[in-house]
Amino acid sequence: MPGLSNTALPLYEKVKDFVLDNIGNGNWPQNEKLPSEHDLVSSLGVSRMTVHRALRELTDKGYLRRVQGVGTFVSPPRAQSTLIEISNIVSEIKARGSRHRAEVVILERIERPDEMLLRAFEYTEPRPVDHSLIVHCENGVPVQLEERYVNPTLVKHYLDQDFASAATYDYLQHSTPLTEVEHLISAIPATERDAKLLHIRERDSCLVLNRKTWTGPTVATVNTFTYVGSRYALGSRYLSPAR
């Protein structure tokens, strides 16, 4: 069959290999729309059910994303560190069966960032950045303060989004591929501002996750996630290299 491997694998696995090969060799780059299921059926000589299963399984594993009524697209790489996997607090809260609510405190463009932000974005001259500050609540109780600074040349229309109903995580994932991520975790006392937003006392213990992401050589976001120490824990589980 044209385009498919000659192995003894089931047909849907051959279709999956065909798709992954085209992604891996650059024929279908990140965020590229795939040929329609009808076109794949015609070119590969397999049933629509076979193609549908292959695309569904690749979507479930994060290689593809499907947009209802539009088509199937190549997903950007899923950024991950060996300590903390990049995750979506909205999904985490809902996965626990809890209610999520987001309160947007700030959504603005900073035309002239201070020296610290310029260094963080590796800018050699003043350039604007977009800024958001959002409180995430679980069952009505604040658990995370999410502060993001975003490169508007990579992430378009960030300030036009309704982040009270849509996660910043999802918008960023669909806007630019994250190819590198840096994490730094620390424990600090709550500032006056953070204590007020998180409904705790000033100087109460907080866990802070500083995250910086890149798209290729360009800094995409500079983020700070502040968690109430008594209400949240950070951790992960991953396979250790063979010893």
C-alpha atoms as a PDB file:
ATOM      1  CA  MET A   1       0.000   0.000   0.000  1.00  0.00           C
ATOM      2  CA  PRO A   2       1.457   3.406  -0.983  1.00  0.00           C
ATOM      3  CA  GLY A   3       2.989   5.279   1.900  1.00  0.00           C
ATOM      4  CA  LEU A   4       2.518   2.511   4.466  1.00  0.00           C
ATOM      5  CA  SER A   5       5.215   0.284   5.933  1.00  0.00           C
ATOM      6  CA  ASN A   6       5.475  -3.369   4.885  1.00  0.00           C
ATOM      7  CA  THR A   7       5.502  -4.692   8.428  1.00  0.00           C
ATOM      8  CA  ALA A   8       3.009  -7.128   9.922  1.00  0.00           C
ATOM      9  CA  LEU A   9       1.502  -4.430  12.146  1.00  0.00           C
ATOM     10  CA  PRO A  10      -2.280  -3.874  12.135  1.00  0.00           C
ATOM     11  CA  LEU A  11      -3.381  -1.350   9.519  1.00  0.00           C
ATOM     12  CA  TYR A  12      -4.224   1.382  12.024  1.00  0.00           C
ATOM     13  CA  GLU A  13      -0.705   1.081  13.483  1.00  0.00           C
ATOM     14  CA  LYS A  14       0.734   1.472   9.979  1.00  0.00           C
ATOM     15  CA  VAL A  15      -1.339   4.625   9.518  1.00  0.00           C
ATOM     16  CA  LYS A  16      -0.033   5.929  12.854  1.00  0.00           C
ATOM     17  CA  ASP A  17       3.552   5.233  11.733  1.00  0.00           C
ATOM     18  CA  PHE A  18       2.843   7.015   8.428  1.00  0.00           C
ATOM     19  CA  VAL A  19       1.582  10.102  10.252  1.00  0.00           C
ATOM     20  CA  LEU A  20       4.464  10.125  12.756  1.00  0.00           C
ATOM     21  CA  ASP A  21       7.009   9.694   9.948  1.00  0.00           C
ATOM     22  CA  ASN A  22       5.603  12.739   8.141  1.00  0.00           C
ATOM     23  CA  ILE A  23       5.724  14.757  11.349  1.00  0.00           C
ATOM     24  CA  GLY A  24       9.241  13.584  12.178  1.00  0.00           C
ATOM     25  CA  ASN A  25      10.724  14.346   8.752  1.00  0.00           C
ATOM     26  CA  GLY A  26       9.152  17.814   8.642  1.00  0.00           C
ATOM     27  CA  ASN A  27       6.614  17.165   5.878  1.00  0.00           C
ATOM     28  CA  TRP A  28       3.876  18.118   8.358  1.00  0.00           C
ATOM     29  CA  PRO A  29       5.333  20.802  10.673  1.00  0.00           C
ATOM     30  CA  GLN A  30       3.936  21.925  14.027  1.00  0.00           C
ATOM     31  CA  ASN A  31       0.422  23.426  13.826  1.00  0.00           C
ATOM     32  CA  GLU A  32       0.097  22.192  10.223  1.00  0.00           C
ATOM     33  CA  LYS A  33      -3.326  20.901   9.220  1.00  0.00           C
ATOM     34  CA  LEU A  34      -3.279  17.229   8.177  1.00  0.00           C
ATOM     35  CA  PRO A  35      -4.971  15.937   5.015  1.00  0.00           C
ATOM     36  CA  SER A  36      -8.626  15.130   5.643  1.00  0.00           C
ATOM     37  CA  GLU A  37      -9.676  11.615   6.655  1.00  0.00           C
ATOM     38  CA  HIS A  38     -11.210  11.242   3.192  1.00  0.00           C
ATOM     39  CA  ASP A  39      -7.895  12.164   1.533  1.00  0.00           C
ATOM     40  CA  LEU A  40      -5.951   9.759   3.757  1.00  0.00           C
ATOM     41  CA  VAL A  41      -8.394   6.954   2.987  1.00  0.00           C
ATOM     42  CA  SER A  42      -7.968   7.567  -0.745  1.00  0.00           C
ATOM     43  CA  SER A  43      -4.177   7.878  -0.705  1.00  0.00           C
ATOM     44  CA  LEU A  44      -3.453   5.016   1.704  1.00  0.00           C
ATOM     45  CA  GLY A  45      -6.089   2.569   0.486  1.00  0.00           C
ATOM     46  CA  VAL A  46      -7.493   1.777   3.926  1.00  0.00           C
ATOM     47  CA  SER A  47     -10.927   2.156   5.470  1.00  0.00           C
ATOM     48  CA  ARG A  48     -12.158   5.360   7.084  1.00  0.00           C
ATOM     49  CA  MET A  49     -12.561   3.451  10.358  1.00  0.00           C
ATOM     50  CA  THR A  50      -8.859   2.562  10.270  1.00  0.00           C
ATOM     51  CA  VAL A  51      -7.799   6.172   9.637  1.00  0.00           C
ATOM     52  CA  HIS A  52     -10.196   7.463  12.302  1.00  0.00           C
ATOM     53  CA  ARG A  53      -8.791   5.087  14.931  1.00  0.00           C
ATOM     54  CA  ALA A  54      -5.205   6.000  14.094  1.00  0.00           C
ATOM     55  CA  LEU A  55      -5.865   9.740  14.328  1.00  0.00           C
ATOM     56  CA  ARG A  56      -7.881   9.332  17.530  1.00  0.00           C
ATOM     57  CA  GLU A  57      -5.094   7.404  19.259  1.00  0.00           C
ATOM     58  CA  LEU A  58      -2.434   9.914  18.147  1.00  0.00           C
ATOM     59  CA  THR A  59      -4.663  12.723  19.432  1.00  0.00           C
ATOM     60  CA  ASP A  60      -5.075  10.961  22.782  1.00  0.00           C
ATOM     61  CA  LYS A  61      -1.273  10.733  23.064  1.00  0.00           C
ATOM     62  CA  GLY A  62      -0.833  14.425  22.292  1.00  0.00           C
ATOM     63  CA  TYR A  63       0.758  14.166  18.838  1.00  0.00           C
ATOM     64  CA  LEU A  64      -2.287  15.708  17.154  1.00  0.00           C
ATOM     65  CA  ARG A  65      -5.097  18.043  18.138  1.00  0.00           C
ATOM     66  CA  ARG A  66      -8.523  17.964  16.552  1.00  0.00           C
ATOM     67  CA  VAL A  67     -10.646  21.089  16.112  1.00  0.00           C
ATOM     68  CA  GLN A  68     -14.322  20.312  15.660  1.00  0.00           C
ATOM     69  CA  GLY A  69     -15.524  21.328  12.216  1.00  0.00           C
ATOM     70  CA  VAL A  70     -12.054  22.478  11.128  1.00  0.00           C
ATOM     71  CA  GLY A  71      -9.718  19.492  10.997  1.00  0.00           C
ATOM     72  CA  THR A  72      -6.749  17.760  12.594  1.00  0.00           C
ATOM     73  CA  PHE A  73      -3.474  19.586  13.297  1.00  0.00           C
ATOM     74  CA  VAL A  74       0.058  18.626  14.347  1.00  0.00           C
ATOM     75  CA  SER A  75       0.466  19.475  18.028  1.00  0.00           C
ATOM     76  CA  PRO A  76       3.473  21.493  19.196  1.00  0.00           C
ATOM     77  CA  PRO A  77       5.909  19.546  21.404  1.00  0.00           C
ATOM     78  CA  ARG A  78       4.692  19.087  24.936  1.00  0.00           C
ATOM     79  CA  ALA A  79       7.245  20.806  27.123  1.00  0.00           C
ATOM     80  CA  GLN A  80       8.296  18.915  30.245  1.00  0.00           C
ATOM     81  CA  SER A  81      10.987  19.074  32.886  1.00  0.00           C
ATOM     82  CA  THR A  82      12.413  16.189  34.863  1.00  0.00           C
ATOM     83  CA  LEU A  83      10.939  17.636  38.039  1.00  0.00           C
ATOM     84  CA  ILE A  84       7.599  19.261  37.245  1.00  0.00           C
ATOM     85  CA  GLU A  85       5.598  18.541  34.116  1.00  0.00           C
ATOM     86  CA  ILE A  86       3.902  21.577  32.595  1.00  0.00           C
ATOM     87  CA  SER A  87       0.263  21.194  33.513  1.00  0.00           C
ATOM     88  CA  ASN A  88      -3.009  23.055  33.467  1.00  0.00           C
ATOM     89  CA  ILE A  89      -4.380  23.884  36.914  1.00  0.00           C
ATOM     90  CA  VAL A  90      -7.893  24.140  35.472  1.00  0.00           C
ATOM     91  CA  SER A  91      -7.698  20.501  34.340  1.00  0.00           C
ATOM     92  CA  GLU A  92      -6.065  19.446  37.621  1.00  0.00           C
ATOM     93  CA  ILE A  93      -8.879  20.929  39.694  1.00  0.00           C
ATOM     94  CA  LYS A  94     -11.611  19.473  37.501  1.00  0.00           C
ATOM     95  CA  ALA A  95      -9.891  16.060  37.493  1.00  0.00           C
ATOM     96  CA  ARG A  96     -10.232  16.008  41.267  1.00  0.00           C
ATOM     97  CA  GLY A  97     -13.967  16.516  40.875  1.00  0.00           C
ATOM     98  CA  SER A  98     -13.745  20.046  42.231  1.00  0.00           C
ATOM     99  CA  ARG A  99     -15.168  23.314  40.946  1.00  0.00           C
ATOM    100  CA  HIS A 100     -12.765  25.757  39.308  1.00  0.00           C
ATOM    101  CA  ARG A 101     -13.151  29.519  39.139  1.00  0.00           C
ATOM    102  CA  ALA A 102     -10.713  32.069  37.747  1.00  0.00           C
ATOM    103  CA  GLU A 103     -10.609  35.736  38.720  1.00  0.00           C
ATOM    104  CA  VAL A 104      -8.741  37.968  36.269  1.00  0.00           C
ATOM    105  CA  VAL A 105      -7.037  40.701  38.294  1.00  0.00           C
ATOM    106  CA  ILE A 106      -4.828  42.232  35.581  1.00  0.00           C
ATOM    107  CA  LEU A 107      -4.754  41.912  31.790  1.00  0.00           C
ATOM    108  CA  GLU A 108      -2.605  44.620  30.248  1.00  0.00           C
ATOM    109  CA  ARG A 109       0.237  45.540  27.914  1.00  0.00           C
ATOM    110  CA  ILE A 110       3.411  46.922  29.466  1.00  0.00           C
ATOM    111  CA  GLU A 111       4.882  49.222  26.836  1.00  0.00           C
ATOM    112  CA  ARG A 112       8.166  49.819  28.659  1.00  0.00           C
ATOM    113  CA  PRO A 113       9.118  46.850  30.858  1.00  0.00           C
ATOM    114  CA  ASP A 114      11.555  47.398  33.714  1.00  0.00           C
ATOM    115  CA  GLU A 115      15.156  46.260  33.538  1.00  0.00           C
ATOM    116  CA  MET A 116      14.434  42.935  35.246  1.00  0.00           C
ATOM    117  CA  LEU A 117      11.796  41.983  32.660  1.00  0.00           C
ATOM    118  CA  LEU A 118      13.990  43.082  29.784  1.00  0.00           C
ATOM    119  CA  ARG A 119      16.749  40.777  31.034  1.00  0.00           C
ATOM    120  CA  ALA A 120      14.267  37.914  31.566  1.00  0.00           C
ATOM    121  CA  PHE A 121      13.105  38.198  27.940  1.00  0.00           C
ATOM    122  CA  GLU A 122      16.699  38.671  26.789  1.00  0.00           C
ATOM    123  CA  TYR A 123      15.758  41.949  25.076  1.00  0.00           C
ATOM    124  CA  THR A 124      18.567  44.315  24.129  1.00  0.00           C
ATOM    125  CA  GLU A 125      16.201  47.296  23.861  1.00  0.00           C
ATOM    126  CA  PRO A 126      12.776  48.210  25.333  1.00  0.00           C
ATOM    127  CA  ARG A 127       9.948  46.208  23.798  1.00  0.00           C
ATOM    128  CA  PRO A 128       6.374  45.660  25.047  1.00  0.00           C
ATOM    129  CA  VAL A 129       5.194  42.549  26.863  1.00  0.00           C
ATOM    130  CA  ASP A 130       1.694  41.394  27.775  1.00  0.00           C
ATOM    131  CA  HIS A 131       0.898  40.809  31.434  1.00  0.00           C
ATOM    132  CA  SER A 132      -1.814  38.804  33.199  1.00  0.00           C
ATOM    133  CA  LEU A 133      -2.527  38.144  36.862  1.00  0.00           C
ATOM    134  CA  ILE A 134      -5.165  35.511  37.658  1.00  0.00           C
ATOM    135  CA  VAL A 135      -6.361  33.904  40.883  1.00  0.00           C
ATOM    136  CA  HIS A 136      -7.423  30.247  40.568  1.00  0.00           C
ATOM    137  CA  CYS A 137      -9.934  28.955  43.106  1.00  0.00           C
ATOM    138  CA  GLU A 138     -10.883  25.382  43.977  1.00  0.00           C
ATOM    139  CA  ASN A 139     -14.388  25.080  45.411  1.00  0.00           C
ATOM    140  CA  GLY A 140     -14.298  28.800  46.100  1.00  0.00           C
ATOM    141  CA  VAL A 141     -10.929  28.764  47.909  1.00  0.00           C
ATOM    142  CA  PRO A 142      -7.894  30.464  46.261  1.00  0.00           C
ATOM    143  CA  VAL A 143      -5.098  27.940  45.656  1.00  0.00           C
ATOM    144  CA  GLN A 144      -2.890  29.542  42.996  1.00  0.00           C
ATOM    145  CA  LEU A 145      -1.899  33.018  41.864  1.00  0.00           C
ATOM    146  CA  GLU A 146      -0.816  32.859  38.224  1.00  0.00           C
ATOM    147  CA  GLU A 147       1.249  35.752  36.879  1.00  0.00           C
ATOM    148  CA  ARG A 148       2.425  35.651  33.280  1.00  0.00           C
ATOM    149  CA  TYR A 149       4.494  37.949  31.099  1.00  0.00           C
ATOM    150  CA  VAL A 150       4.046  37.030  27.450  1.00  0.00           C
ATOM    151  CA  ASN A 151       5.981  37.874  24.282  1.00  0.00           C
ATOM    152  CA  PRO A 152       3.338  39.463  21.977  1.00  0.00           C
ATOM    153  CA  THR A 153       5.404  38.814  18.850  1.00  0.00           C
ATOM    154  CA  LEU A 154       4.962  35.069  19.448  1.00  0.00           C
ATOM    155  CA  VAL A 155       1.545  35.023  21.133  1.00  0.00           C
ATOM    156  CA  LYS A 156      -0.969  37.115  19.218  1.00  0.00           C
ATOM    157  CA  HIS A 157      -4.171  38.612  20.686  1.00  0.00           C
ATOM    158  CA  TYR A 158      -3.377  37.529  24.250  1.00  0.00           C
ATOM    159  CA  LEU A 159      -5.133  40.582  25.692  1.00  0.00           C
ATOM    160  CA  ASP A 160      -8.320  39.851  23.717  1.00  0.00           C
ATOM    161  CA  GLN A 161      -8.995  36.541  25.507  1.00  0.00           C
ATOM    162  CA  ASP A 162     -11.519  35.857  28.270  1.00  0.00           C
ATOM    163  CA  PHE A 163      -9.315  34.074  30.786  1.00  0.00           C
ATOM    164  CA  ALA A 164     -12.133  33.866  33.306  1.00  0.00           C
ATOM    165  CA  SER A 165     -13.632  31.119  31.132  1.00  0.00           C
ATOM    166  CA  ALA A 166     -10.631  29.865  29.100  1.00  0.00           C
ATOM    167  CA  ALA A 167      -7.267  28.748  30.493  1.00  0.00           C
ATOM    168  CA  THR A 168      -4.158  30.739  29.601  1.00  0.00           C
ATOM    169  CA  TYR A 169      -2.385  27.370  29.362  1.00  0.00           C
ATOM    170  CA  ASP A 170      -4.627  26.240  26.481  1.00  0.00           C
ATOM    171  CA  TYR A 171      -4.277  29.517  24.590  1.00  0.00           C
ATOM    172  CA  LEU A 172      -0.497  29.505  24.892  1.00  0.00           C
ATOM    173  CA  GLN A 173      -0.257  25.852  23.822  1.00  0.00           C
ATOM    174  CA  HIS A 174      -2.213  26.634  20.651  1.00  0.00           C
ATOM    175  CA  SER A 175      -0.399  29.908  19.950  1.00  0.00           C
ATOM    176  CA  THR A 176       3.267  28.933  19.919  1.00  0.00           C
ATOM    177  CA  PRO A 177       5.230  25.693  20.294  1.00  0.00           C
ATOM    178  CA  LEU A 178       7.194  25.497  23.558  1.00  0.00           C
ATOM    179  CA  THR A 179      10.539  23.894  22.801  1.00  0.00           C
ATOM    180  CA  GLU A 180      12.343  24.546  26.087  1.00  0.00           C
ATOM    181  CA  VAL A 181      11.293  25.196  29.683  1.00  0.00           C
ATOM    182  CA  GLU A 182      13.116  26.222  32.847  1.00  0.00           C
ATOM    183  CA  HIS A 183      11.725  25.739  36.378  1.00  0.00           C
ATOM    184  CA  LEU A 184      12.810  27.108  39.723  1.00  0.00           C
ATOM    185  CA  ILE A 185      10.894  26.257  42.904  1.00  0.00           C
ATOM    186  CA  SER A 186      11.222  28.104  46.185  1.00  0.00           C
ATOM    187  CA  ALA A 187       9.373  28.659  49.464  1.00  0.00           C
ATOM    188  CA  ILE A 188       8.737  32.285  50.405  1.00  0.00           C
ATOM    189  CA  PRO A 189       6.527  34.281  52.779  1.00  0.00           C
ATOM    190  CA  ALA A 190       3.452  35.823  51.153  1.00  0.00           C
ATOM    191  CA  THR A 191       3.742  39.462  50.132  1.00  0.00           C
ATOM    192  CA  GLU A 192       1.020  41.915  51.061  1.00  0.00           C
ATOM    193  CA  ARG A 193      -0.459  41.766  47.557  1.00  0.00           C
ATOM    194  CA  ASP A 194      -0.370  37.978  47.291  1.00  0.00           C
ATOM    195  CA  ALA A 195      -1.788  37.495  50.784  1.00  0.00           C
ATOM    196  CA  LYS A 196      -4.761  39.689  49.929  1.00  0.00           C
ATOM    197  CA  LEU A 197      -5.488  37.862  46.666  1.00  0.00           C
ATOM    198  CA  LEU A 198      -5.009  34.379  48.162  1.00  0.00           C
ATOM    199  CA  HIS A 199      -6.984  35.130  51.339  1.00  0.00           C
ATOM    200  CA  ILE A 200      -4.124  34.334  53.682  1.00  0.00           C
ATOM    201  CA  ARG A 201      -2.048  36.343  56.144  1.00  0.00           C
ATOM    202  CA  GLU A 202       0.968  38.330  55.056  1.00  0.00           C
ATOM    203  CA  ARG A 203       4.143  36.248  55.453  1.00  0.00           C
ATOM    204  CA  ASP A 204       2.237  32.945  55.464  1.00  0.00           C
ATOM    205  CA  SER A 205       4.290  30.235  53.728  1.00  0.00           C
ATOM    206  CA  CYS A 206       3.866  29.914  49.959  1.00  0.00           C
ATOM    207  CA  LEU A 207       5.379  27.659  47.305  1.00  0.00           C
ATOM    208  CA  VAL A 208       6.538  29.575  44.241  1.00  0.00           C
ATOM    209  CA  LEU A 209       7.194  28.026  40.840  1.00  0.00           C
ATOM    210  CA  ASN A 210       9.075  30.311  38.440  1.00  0.00           C
ATOM    211  CA  ARG A 211       8.811  29.111  34.862  1.00  0.00           C
ATOM    212  CA  LYS A 212      10.429  30.474  31.718  1.00  0.00           C
ATOM    213  CA  THR A 213       9.638  29.067  28.278  1.00  0.00           C
ATOM    214  CA  TRP A 214      11.189  29.391  24.836  1.00  0.00           C
ATOM    215  CA  THR A 215      10.073  28.899  21.256  1.00  0.00           C
ATOM    216  CA  GLY A 216      13.330  28.021  19.567  1.00  0.00           C
ATOM    217  CA  PRO A 217      15.875  30.658  20.679  1.00  0.00           C
ATOM    218  CA  THR A 218      13.202  33.232  21.605  1.00  0.00           C
ATOM    219  CA  VAL A 219      11.762  33.642  25.111  1.00  0.00           C
ATOM    220  CA  ALA A 220       7.988  33.117  24.910  1.00  0.00           C
ATOM    221  CA  THR A 221       6.811  33.563  28.515  1.00  0.00           C
ATOM    222  CA  VAL A 222       8.118  34.457  31.966  1.00  0.00           C
ATOM    223  CA  ASN A 223       5.778  33.152  34.672  1.00  0.00           C
ATOM    224  CA  THR A 224       5.365  32.992  38.421  1.00  0.00           C
ATOM    225  CA  PHE A 225       2.879  30.589  40.040  1.00  0.00           C
ATOM    226  CA  THR A 226       2.319  31.158  43.767  1.00  0.00           C
ATOM    227  CA  TYR A 227       0.608  28.393  45.756  1.00  0.00           C
ATOM    228  CA  VAL A 228      -0.729  28.555  49.296  1.00  0.00           C
ATOM    229  CA  GLY A 229       1.643  26.257  51.193  1.00  0.00           C
ATOM    230  CA  SER A 230      -1.082  24.808  53.408  1.00  0.00           C
ATOM    231  CA  ARG A 231      -3.415  24.115  50.482  1.00  0.00           C
ATOM    232  CA  TYR A 232      -1.187  22.721  47.749  1.00  0.00           C
ATOM    233  CA  ALA A 233       1.740  20.412  47.034  1.00  0.00           C
ATOM    234  CA  LEU A 234       4.011  20.212  44.000  1.00  0.00           C
ATOM    235  CA  GLY A 235       5.342  16.883  42.817  1.00  0.00           C
ATOM    236  CA  SER A 236       5.693  14.422  39.992  1.00  0.00           C
ATOM    237  CA  ARG A 237       6.321  10.804  39.191  1.00  0.00           C
ATOM    238  CA  TYR A 238       8.499   9.641  36.320  1.00  0.00           C
ATOM    239  CA  LEU A 239      10.518   6.654  35.214  1.00  0.00           C
ATOM    240  CA  SER A 240      14.079   6.505  36.473  1.00  0.00           C
ATOM    241  CA  PRO A 241      16.896   5.495  34.076  1.00  0.00           C
ATOM    242  CA  ALA A 242      17.934   1.865  34.387  1.00  0.00           C
ATOM    243  CA  ARG A 243      20.683   1.268  36.930  1.00  0.00           C
END
